[in-house]
């Protein structure tokens, strides 16, 4: 991909080639791993997290296209990041608490 697309798209071709390579390796590893050692991933929850991130991204893009201010851009992006982190913490509170308990046991 790099050999073909770098003359036309410059460094973005390298970024997309790397993204596709890592994505392909991830899918192959997942499929192969599920055959050897099946892991029951919480796919609904993971997909919901990804959908929320994509929605927040497009909301951010829409707002920053209307108002062209770097300060507003960074403020909104930071606010969305904090809100998303708090959302994840609330949903996964039991898991975070278990991690803290395990850490205290090791110390």
PDB file of N, CA and C in Angstrom:
ATOM      1  N   UNK A   1       0.816  -1.184   0.000  1.00  0.00           N
ATOM      2  CA  UNK A   1       0.000   0.000   0.000  1.00  0.00           C
ATOM      3  C   UNK A   1       0.864   1.254   0.000  1.00  0.00           C
ATOM      4  N   UNK A   2       1.931   1.237   0.795  1.00  0.00           N
ATOM      5  CA  UNK A   2       2.794   2.415   0.850  1.00  0.00           C
ATOM      6  C   UNK A   2       3.398   2.717  -0.515  1.00  0.00           C
ATOM      7  N   UNK A   3       3.887   1.685  -1.173  1.00  0.00           N
ATOM      8  CA  UNK A   3       4.550   1.877  -2.465  1.00  0.00           C
ATOM      9  C   UNK A   3       3.604   2.500  -3.480  1.00  0.00           C
ATOM     10  N   UNK A   4       2.352   2.094  -3.450  1.00  0.00           N
ATOM     11  CA  UNK A   4       1.384   2.589  -4.435  1.00  0.00           C
ATOM     12  C   UNK A   4       0.838   3.962  -4.054  1.00  0.00           C
ATOM     13  N   UNK A   5       0.487   4.163  -2.789  1.00  0.00           N
ATOM     14  CA  UNK A   5      -0.278   5.345  -2.414  1.00  0.00           C
ATOM     15  C   UNK A   5       0.528   6.523  -1.868  1.00  0.00           C
ATOM     16  N   UNK A   6       1.772   6.317  -1.430  1.00  0.00           N
ATOM     17  CA  UNK A   6       2.554   7.437  -0.904  1.00  0.00           C
ATOM     18  C   UNK A   6       2.763   8.545  -1.942  1.00  0.00           C
ATOM     19  N   UNK A   7       3.039   8.232  -3.193  1.00  0.00           N
ATOM     20  CA  UNK A   7       3.205   9.338  -4.156  1.00  0.00           C
ATOM     21  C   UNK A   7       1.955  10.211  -4.302  1.00  0.00           C
ATOM     22  N   UNK A   8       0.799   9.665  -4.015  1.00  0.00           N
ATOM     23  CA  UNK A   8      -0.439  10.422  -4.194  1.00  0.00           C
ATOM     24  C   UNK A   8      -0.957  11.050  -2.903  1.00  0.00           C
ATOM     25  N   UNK A   9      -0.784  10.356  -1.774  1.00  0.00           N
ATOM     26  CA  UNK A   9      -1.401  10.810  -0.525  1.00  0.00           C
ATOM     27  C   UNK A   9      -0.394  11.120   0.578  1.00  0.00           C
ATOM     28  N   UNK A  10       0.893  11.043   0.309  1.00  0.00           N
ATOM     29  CA  UNK A  10       1.938  11.380   1.255  1.00  0.00           C
ATOM     30  C   UNK A  10       1.843  10.535   2.532  1.00  0.00           C
ATOM     31  N   UNK A  11       2.069  11.151   3.681  1.00  0.00           N
ATOM     32  CA  UNK A  11       2.122  10.403   4.934  1.00  0.00           C
ATOM     33  C   UNK A  11       0.783   9.814   5.348  1.00  0.00           C
ATOM     34  N   UNK A  12      -0.319  10.341   4.825  1.00  0.00           N
ATOM     35  CA  UNK A  12      -1.635   9.776   5.164  1.00  0.00           C
ATOM     36  C   UNK A  12      -1.744   8.337   4.649  1.00  0.00           C
ATOM     37  N   UNK A  13      -1.069   8.031   3.553  1.00  0.00           N
ATOM     38  CA  UNK A  13      -1.065   6.655   3.044  1.00  0.00           C
ATOM     39  C   UNK A  13      -0.402   5.718   4.054  1.00  0.00           C
ATOM     40  N   UNK A  14       0.663   6.185   4.691  1.00  0.00           N
ATOM     41  CA  UNK A  14       1.337   5.369   5.712  1.00  0.00           C
ATOM     42  C   UNK A  14       0.410   5.144   6.907  1.00  0.00           C
ATOM     43  N   UNK A  15      -0.301   6.185   7.305  1.00  0.00           N
ATOM     44  CA  UNK A  15      -1.206   6.062   8.443  1.00  0.00           C
ATOM     45  C   UNK A  15      -2.316   5.054   8.134  1.00  0.00           C
ATOM     46  N   UNK A  16      -2.920   5.158   6.961  1.00  0.00           N
ATOM     47  CA  UNK A  16      -4.000   4.228   6.607  1.00  0.00           C
ATOM     48  C   UNK A  16      -3.488   2.806   6.435  1.00  0.00           C
ATOM     49  N   UNK A  17      -2.296   2.651   5.871  1.00  0.00           N
ATOM     50  CA  UNK A  17      -1.725   1.314   5.713  1.00  0.00           C
ATOM     51  C   UNK A  17      -1.477   0.679   7.079  1.00  0.00           C
ATOM     52  N   UNK A  18      -0.948   1.461   8.020  1.00  0.00           N
ATOM     53  CA  UNK A  18      -0.708   0.952   9.361  1.00  0.00           C
ATOM     54  C   UNK A  18      -2.024   0.588  10.044  1.00  0.00           C
ATOM     55  N   UNK A  19      -3.024   1.458   9.910  1.00  0.00           N
ATOM     56  CA  UNK A  19      -4.339   1.197  10.491  1.00  0.00           C
ATOM     57  C   UNK A  19      -4.930  -0.103   9.949  1.00  0.00           C
ATOM     58  N   UNK A  20      -4.880  -0.287   8.641  1.00  0.00           N
ATOM     59  CA  UNK A  20      -5.426  -1.506   8.037  1.00  0.00           C
ATOM     60  C   UNK A  20      -4.625  -2.744   8.446  1.00  0.00           C
ATOM     61  N   UNK A  21      -3.318  -2.600   8.539  1.00  0.00           N
ATOM     62  CA  UNK A  21      -2.478  -3.731   8.955  1.00  0.00           C
ATOM     63  C   UNK A  21      -2.813  -4.153  10.377  1.00  0.00           C
ATOM     64  N   UNK A  22      -2.849  -3.190  11.302  1.00  0.00           N
ATOM     65  CA  UNK A  22      -3.168  -3.517  12.693  1.00  0.00           C
ATOM     66  C   UNK A  22      -4.591  -4.036  12.826  1.00  0.00           C
ATOM     67  N   UNK A  23      -5.513  -3.474  12.061  1.00  0.00           N
ATOM     68  CA  UNK A  23      -6.892  -3.960  12.096  1.00  0.00           C
ATOM     69  C   UNK A  23      -6.991  -5.395  11.625  1.00  0.00           C
ATOM     70  N   UNK A  24      -6.289  -5.716  10.564  1.00  0.00           N
ATOM     71  CA  UNK A  24      -6.278  -7.080  10.045  1.00  0.00           C
ATOM     72  C   UNK A  24      -5.664  -8.039  11.071  1.00  0.00           C
ATOM     73  N   UNK A  25      -4.552  -7.644  11.671  1.00  0.00           N
ATOM     74  CA  UNK A  25      -3.929  -8.493  12.690  1.00  0.00           C
ATOM     75  C   UNK A  25      -4.871  -8.698  13.877  1.00  0.00           C
ATOM     76  N   UNK A  26      -5.614  -7.652  14.249  1.00  0.00           N
ATOM     77  CA  UNK A  26      -6.544  -7.766  15.369  1.00  0.00           C
ATOM     78  C   UNK A  26      -7.643  -8.776  15.060  1.00  0.00           C
ATOM     79  N   UNK A  27      -8.213  -8.702  13.858  1.00  0.00           N
ATOM     80  CA  UNK A  27      -9.298  -9.613  13.484  1.00  0.00           C
ATOM     81  C   UNK A  27      -8.782 -11.048  13.414  1.00  0.00           C
ATOM     82  N   UNK A  28      -7.632 -11.248  12.795  1.00  0.00           N
ATOM     83  CA  UNK A  28      -7.061 -12.599  12.699  1.00  0.00           C
ATOM     84  C   UNK A  28      -6.771 -13.150  14.090  1.00  0.00           C
ATOM     85  N   UNK A  29      -6.187 -12.327  14.963  1.00  0.00           N
ATOM     86  CA  UNK A  29      -5.888 -12.781  16.322  1.00  0.00           C
ATOM     87  C   UNK A  29      -7.154 -13.130  17.078  1.00  0.00           C
ATOM     88  N   UNK A  30      -8.204 -12.337  16.904  1.00  0.00           N
ATOM     89  CA  UNK A  30      -9.460 -12.612  17.589  1.00  0.00           C
ATOM     90  C   UNK A  30     -10.056 -13.941  17.119  1.00  0.00           C
ATOM     91  N   UNK A  31     -10.149 -14.119  15.799  1.00  0.00           N
ATOM     92  CA  UNK A  31     -10.755 -15.339  15.255  1.00  0.00           C
ATOM     93  C   UNK A  31      -9.943 -16.561  15.663  1.00  0.00           C
ATOM     94  N   UNK A  32      -8.650 -16.486  15.529  1.00  0.00           N
ATOM     95  CA  UNK A  32      -7.776 -17.595  15.885  1.00  0.00           C
ATOM     96  C   UNK A  32      -7.844 -17.869  17.391  1.00  0.00           C
ATOM     97  N   UNK A  33      -7.837 -16.812  18.178  1.00  0.00           N
ATOM     98  CA  UNK A  33      -7.901 -16.979  19.627  1.00  0.00           C
ATOM     99  C   UNK A  33      -9.209 -17.596  20.087  1.00  0.00           C
ATOM    100  N   UNK A  34     -10.326 -17.227  19.444  1.00  0.00           N
ATOM    101  CA  UNK A  34     -11.616 -17.792  19.830  1.00  0.00           C
ATOM    102  C   UNK A  34     -11.684 -19.281  19.524  1.00  0.00           C
ATOM    103  N   UNK A  35     -10.963 -19.721  18.508  1.00  0.00           N
ATOM    104  CA  UNK A  35     -10.928 -21.153  18.202  1.00  0.00           C
ATOM    105  C   UNK A  35     -10.120 -21.911  19.252  1.00  0.00           C
ATOM    106  N   UNK A  36      -9.007 -21.326  19.683  1.00  0.00           N
ATOM    107  CA  UNK A  36      -8.127 -21.999  20.635  1.00  0.00           C
ATOM    108  C   UNK A  36      -8.586 -21.835  22.073  1.00  0.00           C
ATOM    109  N   UNK A  37      -8.969 -20.623  22.441  1.00  0.00           N
ATOM    110  CA  UNK A  37      -9.345 -20.340  23.819  1.00  0.00           C
ATOM    111  C   UNK A  37     -10.459 -19.289  23.818  1.00  0.00           C
ATOM    112  N   UNK A  38     -11.712 -19.720  23.743  1.00  0.00           N
ATOM    113  CA  UNK A  38     -12.825 -18.777  23.654  1.00  0.00           C
ATOM    114  C   UNK A  38     -12.942 -17.883  24.893  1.00  0.00           C
ATOM    115  N   UNK A  39     -13.051 -16.595  24.657  1.00  0.00           N
ATOM    116  CA  UNK A  39     -13.228 -15.617  25.722  1.00  0.00           C
ATOM    117  C   UNK A  39     -14.592 -14.952  25.519  1.00  0.00           C
ATOM    118  N   UNK A  40     -15.449 -14.966  26.541  1.00  0.00           N
ATOM    119  CA  UNK A  40     -16.780 -14.366  26.393  1.00  0.00           C
ATOM    120  C   UNK A  40     -16.734 -12.842  26.573  1.00  0.00           C
ATOM    121  N   UNK A  41     -16.392 -12.135  25.520  1.00  0.00           N
ATOM    122  CA  UNK A  41     -16.336 -10.678  25.577  1.00  0.00           C
ATOM    123  C   UNK A  41     -17.741 -10.100  25.696  1.00  0.00           C
ATOM    124  N   UNK A  42     -17.858  -8.950  26.351  1.00  0.00           N
ATOM    125  CA  UNK A  42     -19.138  -8.248  26.486  1.00  0.00           C
ATOM    126  C   UNK A  42     -19.312  -7.343  25.261  1.00  0.00           C
ATOM    127  N   UNK A  43     -19.669  -7.946  24.132  1.00  0.00           N
ATOM    128  CA  UNK A  43     -19.714  -7.223  22.864  1.00  0.00           C
ATOM    129  C   UNK A  43     -20.729  -6.096  22.838  1.00  0.00           C
ATOM    130  N   UNK A  44     -21.889  -6.298  23.464  1.00  0.00           N
ATOM    131  CA  UNK A  44     -22.901  -5.242  23.456  1.00  0.00           C
ATOM    132  C   UNK A  44     -22.387  -3.999  24.167  1.00  0.00           C
ATOM    133  N   UNK A  45     -21.740  -4.208  25.289  1.00  0.00           N
ATOM    134  CA  UNK A  45     -21.207  -3.088  26.051  1.00  0.00           C
ATOM    135  C   UNK A  45     -20.067  -2.396  25.281  1.00  0.00           C
ATOM    136  N   UNK A  46     -19.186  -3.184  24.693  1.00  0.00           N
ATOM    137  CA  UNK A  46     -18.075  -2.612  23.939  1.00  0.00           C
ATOM    138  C   UNK A  46     -18.569  -1.819  22.728  1.00  0.00           C
ATOM    139  N   UNK A  47     -19.527  -2.366  22.013  1.00  0.00           N
ATOM    140  CA  UNK A  47     -20.081  -1.644  20.862  1.00  0.00           C
ATOM    141  C   UNK A  47     -20.817  -0.380  21.301  1.00  0.00           C
ATOM    142  N   UNK A  48     -21.508  -0.446  22.426  1.00  0.00           N
ATOM    143  CA  UNK A  48     -22.184   0.744  22.937  1.00  0.00           C
ATOM    144  C   UNK A  48     -21.169   1.839  23.253  1.00  0.00           C
ATOM    145  N   UNK A  49     -20.047   1.484  23.866  1.00  0.00           N
ATOM    146  CA  UNK A  49     -19.004   2.470  24.155  1.00  0.00           C
ATOM    147  C   UNK A  49     -18.481   3.105  22.863  1.00  0.00           C
ATOM    148  N   UNK A  50     -18.262   2.292  21.846  1.00  0.00           N
ATOM    149  CA  UNK A  50     -17.756   2.815  20.579  1.00  0.00           C
ATOM    150  C   UNK A  50     -18.775   3.733  19.900  1.00  0.00           C
ATOM    151  N   UNK A  51     -20.038   3.344  19.932  1.00  0.00           N
ATOM    152  CA  UNK A  51     -21.087   4.171  19.328  1.00  0.00           C
ATOM    153  C   UNK A  51     -21.173   5.512  20.046  1.00  0.00           C
ATOM    154  N   UNK A  52     -21.090   5.503  21.362  1.00  0.00           N
ATOM    155  CA  UNK A  52     -21.139   6.752  22.123  1.00  0.00           C
ATOM    156  C   UNK A  52     -19.971   7.656  21.745  1.00  0.00           C
ATOM    157  N   UNK A  53     -18.784   7.098  21.611  1.00  0.00           N
ATOM    158  CA  UNK A  53     -17.615   7.893  21.235  1.00  0.00           C
ATOM    159  C   UNK A  53     -17.805   8.502  19.846  1.00  0.00           C
ATOM    160  N   UNK A  54     -18.317   7.723  18.908  1.00  0.00           N
ATOM    161  CA  UNK A  54     -18.533   8.239  17.550  1.00  0.00           C
ATOM    162  C   UNK A  54     -19.575   9.355  17.565  1.00  0.00           C
ATOM    163  N   UNK A  55     -20.642   9.185  18.341  1.00  0.00           N
ATOM    164  CA  UNK A  55     -21.664  10.231  18.449  1.00  0.00           C
ATOM    165  C   UNK A  55     -21.064  11.506  19.042  1.00  0.00           C
ATOM    166  N   UNK A  56     -20.285  11.368  20.113  1.00  0.00           N
ATOM    167  CA  UNK A  56     -19.644  12.538  20.710  1.00  0.00           C
ATOM    168  C   UNK A  56     -18.704  13.220  19.717  1.00  0.00           C
ATOM    169  N   UNK A  57     -18.000  12.434  18.921  1.00  0.00           N
ATOM    170  CA  UNK A  57     -17.100  12.994  17.912  1.00  0.00           C
ATOM    171  C   UNK A  57     -17.870  13.841  16.903  1.00  0.00           C
ATOM    172  N   UNK A  58     -18.978  13.308  16.400  1.00  0.00           N
ATOM    173  CA  UNK A  58     -19.737  14.052  15.403  1.00  0.00           C
ATOM    174  C   UNK A  58     -20.426  15.271  16.004  1.00  0.00           C
ATOM    175  N   UNK A  59     -20.858  15.187  17.251  1.00  0.00           N
ATOM    176  CA  UNK A  59     -21.408  16.368  17.913  1.00  0.00           C
ATOM    177  C   UNK A  59     -20.330  17.441  18.028  1.00  0.00           C
ATOM    178  N   UNK A  60     -19.143  17.029  18.440  1.00  0.00           N
ATOM    179  CA  UNK A  60     -18.022  17.968  18.555  1.00  0.00           C
ATOM    180  C   UNK A  60     -17.694  18.594  17.204  1.00  0.00           C
ATOM    181  N   UNK A  61     -17.647  17.766  16.165  1.00  0.00           N
ATOM    182  CA  UNK A  61     -17.354  18.298  14.833  1.00  0.00           C
ATOM    183  C   UNK A  61     -18.420  19.296  14.382  1.00  0.00           C
ATOM    184  N   UNK A  62     -19.683  18.982  14.653  1.00  0.00           N
ATOM    185  CA  UNK A  62     -20.760  19.886  14.281  1.00  0.00           C
ATOM    186  C   UNK A  62     -20.660  21.218  14.991  1.00  0.00           C
ATOM    187  N   UNK A  63     -20.370  21.184  16.285  1.00  0.00           N
ATOM    188  CA  UNK A  63     -20.258  22.429  17.046  1.00  0.00           C
ATOM    189  C   UNK A  63     -19.076  23.261  16.575  1.00  0.00           C
ATOM    190  N   UNK A  64     -17.934  22.615  16.334  1.00  0.00           N
ATOM    191  CA  UNK A  64     -16.741  23.373  15.941  1.00  0.00           C
ATOM    192  C   UNK A  64     -16.833  23.884  14.506  1.00  0.00           C
ATOM    193  N   UNK A  65     -17.694  23.309  13.689  1.00  0.00           N
ATOM    194  CA  UNK A  65     -17.894  23.866  12.340  1.00  0.00           C
ATOM    195  C   UNK A  65     -18.754  25.119  12.387  1.00  0.00           C
ATOM    196  N   UNK A  66     -19.629  25.207  13.388  1.00  0.00           N
ATOM    197  CA  UNK A  66     -20.470  26.389  13.532  1.00  0.00           C
ATOM    198  C   UNK A  66     -19.671  27.540  14.136  1.00  0.00           C
ATOM    199  N   UNK A  67     -18.962  27.256  15.251  1.00  0.00           N
ATOM    200  CA  UNK A  67     -18.158  28.269  15.922  1.00  0.00           C
ATOM    201  C   UNK A  67     -16.691  27.914  15.771  1.00  0.00           C
ATOM    202  N   UNK A  68     -15.932  28.802  15.140  1.00  0.00           N
ATOM    203  CA  UNK A  68     -14.515  28.551  14.861  1.00  0.00           C
ATOM    204  C   UNK A  68     -13.654  29.218  15.932  1.00  0.00           C
ATOM    205  N   UNK A  69     -13.561  28.581  17.077  1.00  0.00           N
ATOM    206  CA  UNK A  69     -12.760  29.125  18.167  1.00  0.00           C
ATOM    207  C   UNK A  69     -11.943  27.990  18.770  1.00  0.00           C
ATOM    208  N   UNK A  70     -10.626  28.191  18.821  1.00  0.00           N
ATOM    209  CA  UNK A  70      -9.765  27.162  19.398  1.00  0.00           C
ATOM    210  C   UNK A  70     -10.093  26.923  20.869  1.00  0.00           C
ATOM    211  N   UNK A  71     -10.354  27.999  21.608  1.00  0.00           N
ATOM    212  CA  UNK A  71     -10.667  27.847  23.029  1.00  0.00           C
ATOM    213  C   UNK A  71     -11.950  27.028  23.207  1.00  0.00           C
ATOM    214  N   UNK A  72     -12.966  27.320  22.404  1.00  0.00           N
ATOM    215  CA  UNK A  72     -14.219  26.564  22.478  1.00  0.00           C
ATOM    216  C   UNK A  72     -13.996  25.113  22.066  1.00  0.00           C
ATOM    217  N   UNK A  73     -13.199  24.916  21.036  1.00  0.00           N
ATOM    218  CA  UNK A  73     -12.890  23.567  20.557  1.00  0.00           C
ATOM    219  C   UNK A  73     -12.271  22.733  21.671  1.00  0.00           C
ATOM    220  N   UNK A  74     -11.236  23.261  22.314  1.00  0.00           N
ATOM    221  CA  UNK A  74     -10.549  22.515  23.376  1.00  0.00           C
ATOM    222  C   UNK A  74     -11.441  22.332  24.601  1.00  0.00           C
ATOM    223  N   UNK A  75     -12.242  23.350  24.905  1.00  0.00           N
ATOM    224  CA  UNK A  75     -13.141  23.256  26.059  1.00  0.00           C
ATOM    225  C   UNK A  75     -14.186  22.162  25.849  1.00  0.00           C
ATOM    226  N   UNK A  76     -14.795  22.142  24.682  1.00  0.00           N
ATOM    227  CA  UNK A  76     -15.819  21.130  24.389  1.00  0.00           C
ATOM    228  C   UNK A  76     -15.197  19.738  24.347  1.00  0.00           C
ATOM    229  N   UNK A  77     -14.040  19.615  23.695  1.00  0.00           N
ATOM    230  CA  UNK A  77     -13.382  18.309  23.611  1.00  0.00           C
ATOM    231  C   UNK A  77     -13.014  17.794  25.001  1.00  0.00           C
ATOM    232  N   UNK A  78     -12.487  18.669  25.841  1.00  0.00           N
ATOM    233  CA  UNK A  78     -12.122  18.260  27.196  1.00  0.00           C
ATOM    234  C   UNK A  78     -13.352  17.889  28.012  1.00  0.00           C
ATOM    235  N   UNK A  79     -14.421  18.678  27.860  1.00  0.00           N
ATOM    236  CA  UNK A  79     -15.665  18.383  28.570  1.00  0.00           C
ATOM    237  C   UNK A  79     -16.220  17.029  28.152  1.00  0.00           C
ATOM    238  N   UNK A  80     -16.245  16.758  26.843  1.00  0.00           N
ATOM    239  CA  UNK A  80     -16.735  15.465  26.359  1.00  0.00           C
ATOM    240  C   UNK A  80     -15.877  14.323  26.889  1.00  0.00           C
ATOM    241  N   UNK A  81     -14.566  14.516  26.925  1.00  0.00           N
ATOM    242  CA  UNK A  81     -13.667  13.479  27.421  1.00  0.00           C
ATOM    243  C   UNK A  81     -13.933  13.192  28.900  1.00  0.00           C
ATOM    244  N   UNK A  82     -14.092  14.241  29.686  1.00  0.00           N
ATOM    245  CA  UNK A  82     -14.371  14.060  31.119  1.00  0.00           C
ATOM    246  C   UNK A  82     -15.720  13.381  31.316  1.00  0.00           C
ATOM    247  N   UNK A  83     -16.745  13.821  30.571  1.00  0.00           N
ATOM    248  CA  UNK A  83     -18.065  13.214  30.699  1.00  0.00           C
ATOM    249  C   UNK A  83     -18.043  11.739  30.305  1.00  0.00           C
ATOM    250  N   UNK A  84     -17.306  11.422  29.245  1.00  0.00           N
ATOM    251  CA  UNK A  84     -17.196  10.030  28.806  1.00  0.00           C
ATOM    252  C   UNK A  84     -16.470   9.202  29.867  1.00  0.00           C
ATOM    253  N   UNK A  85     -15.408   9.749  30.436  1.00  0.00           N
ATOM    254  CA  UNK A  85     -14.697   9.042  31.498  1.00  0.00           C
ATOM    255  C   UNK A  85     -15.574   8.796  32.707  1.00  0.00           C
ATOM    256  N   UNK A  86     -16.370   9.795  33.096  1.00  0.00           N
ATOM    257  CA  UNK A  86     -17.296   9.624  34.219  1.00  0.00           C
ATOM    258  C   UNK A  86     -18.371   8.592  33.897  1.00  0.00           C
ATOM    259  N   UNK A  87     -18.852   8.599  32.666  1.00  0.00           N
ATOM    260  CA  UNK A  87     -19.842   7.609  32.246  1.00  0.00           C
ATOM    261  C   UNK A  87     -19.268   6.195  32.352  1.00  0.00           C
ATOM    262  N   UNK A  88     -18.068   6.008  31.838  1.00  0.00           N
ATOM    263  CA  UNK A  88     -17.419   4.692  31.909  1.00  0.00           C
ATOM    264  C   UNK A  88     -17.219   4.289  33.371  1.00  0.00           C
ATOM    265  N   UNK A  89     -16.795   5.234  34.195  1.00  0.00           N
ATOM    266  CA  UNK A  89     -16.586   4.920  35.611  1.00  0.00           C
ATOM    267  C   UNK A  89     -17.889   4.487  36.272  1.00  0.00           C
ATOM    268  N   UNK A  90     -18.992   5.176  35.979  1.00  0.00           N
ATOM    269  CA  UNK A  90     -20.276   4.808  36.588  1.00  0.00           C
ATOM    270  C   UNK A  90     -20.731   3.423  36.135  1.00  0.00           C
ATOM    271  N   UNK A  91     -20.553   3.135  34.850  1.00  0.00           N
ATOM    272  CA  UNK A  91     -20.984   1.835  34.327  1.00  0.00           C
ATOM    273  C   UNK A  91     -20.098   0.717  34.867  1.00  0.00           C
ATOM    274  N   UNK A  92     -18.811   0.973  34.973  1.00  0.00           N
ATOM    275  CA  UNK A  92     -17.845  -0.056  35.379  1.00  0.00           C
ATOM    276  C   UNK A  92     -17.390   0.107  36.827  1.00  0.00           C
ATOM    277  N   UNK A  93     -18.184   0.739  37.653  1.00  0.00           N
ATOM    278  CA  UNK A  93     -17.787   1.019  39.038  1.00  0.00           C
ATOM    279  C   UNK A  93     -17.396  -0.252  39.798  1.00  0.00           C
ATOM    280  N   UNK A  94     -18.154  -1.320  39.623  1.00  0.00           N
ATOM    281  CA  UNK A  94     -17.830  -2.575  40.317  1.00  0.00           C
ATOM    282  C   UNK A  94     -16.454  -3.092  39.903  1.00  0.00           C
ATOM    283  N   UNK A  95     -16.157  -3.001  38.613  1.00  0.00           N
ATOM    284  CA  UNK A  95     -14.859  -3.476  38.120  1.00  0.00           C
ATOM    285  C   UNK A  95     -13.716  -2.635  38.695  1.00  0.00           C
ATOM    286  N   UNK A  96     -13.891  -1.314  38.734  1.00  0.00           N
ATOM    287  CA  UNK A  96     -12.859  -0.446  39.301  1.00  0.00           C
ATOM    288  C   UNK A  96     -12.659  -0.745  40.785  1.00  0.00           C
ATOM    289  N   UNK A  97     -13.759  -0.960  41.502  1.00  0.00           N
ATOM    290  CA  UNK A  97     -13.652  -1.293  42.923  1.00  0.00           C
ATOM    291  C   UNK A  97     -12.921  -2.621  43.125  1.00  0.00           C
ATOM    292  N   UNK A  98     -13.207  -3.607  42.270  1.00  0.00           N
ATOM    293  CA  UNK A  98     -12.501  -4.899  42.366  1.00  0.00           C
ATOM    294  C   UNK A  98     -11.010  -4.733  42.095  1.00  0.00           C
ATOM    295  N   UNK A  99     -10.658  -3.883  41.142  1.00  0.00           N
ATOM    296  CA  UNK A  99      -9.244  -3.639  40.860  1.00  0.00           C
ATOM    297  C   UNK A  99      -8.547  -3.006  42.064  1.00  0.00           C
ATOM    298  N   UNK A 100      -9.223  -2.054  42.714  1.00  0.00           N
ATOM    299  CA  UNK A 100      -8.632  -1.425  43.890  1.00  0.00           C
ATOM    300  C   UNK A 100      -8.449  -2.436  45.025  1.00  0.00           C
ATOM    301  N   UNK A 101      -9.433  -3.327  45.208  1.00  0.00           N
ATOM    302  CA  UNK A 101      -9.309  -4.346  46.243  1.00  0.00           C
ATOM    303  C   UNK A 101      -8.152  -5.281  45.958  1.00  0.00           C
ATOM    304  N   UNK A 102      -8.011  -5.683  44.697  1.00  0.00           N
ATOM    305  CA  UNK A 102      -6.910  -6.571  44.323  1.00  0.00           C
ATOM    306  C   UNK A 102      -5.573  -5.875  44.539  1.00  0.00           C
ATOM    307  N   UNK A 103      -5.511  -4.595  44.242  1.00  0.00           N
ATOM    308  CA  UNK A 103      -4.258  -3.862  44.397  1.00  0.00           C
ATOM    309  C   UNK A 103      -3.889  -3.761  45.875  1.00  0.00           C
ATOM    310  N   UNK A 104      -4.885  -3.535  46.731  1.00  0.00           N
ATOM    311  CA  UNK A 104      -4.608  -3.443  48.166  1.00  0.00           C
ATOM    312  C   UNK A 104      -4.139  -4.784  48.717  1.00  0.00           C
ATOM    313  N   UNK A 105      -4.672  -5.887  48.175  1.00  0.00           N
ATOM    314  CA  UNK A 105      -4.255  -7.213  48.633  1.00  0.00           C
ATOM    315  C   UNK A 105      -2.798  -7.484  48.268  1.00  0.00           C
ATOM    316  N   UNK A 106      -2.365  -6.971  47.111  1.00  0.00           N
ATOM    317  CA  UNK A 106      -0.988  -7.209  46.667  1.00  0.00           C
ATOM    318  C   UNK A 106       0.004  -6.397  47.469  1.00  0.00           C
ATOM    319  N   UNK A 107      -0.410  -5.254  47.965  1.00  0.00           N
ATOM    320  CA  UNK A 107       0.523  -4.363  48.701  1.00  0.00           C
ATOM    321  C   UNK A 107       0.832  -4.848  50.092  1.00  0.00           C
TER     322      UNK A 107
END
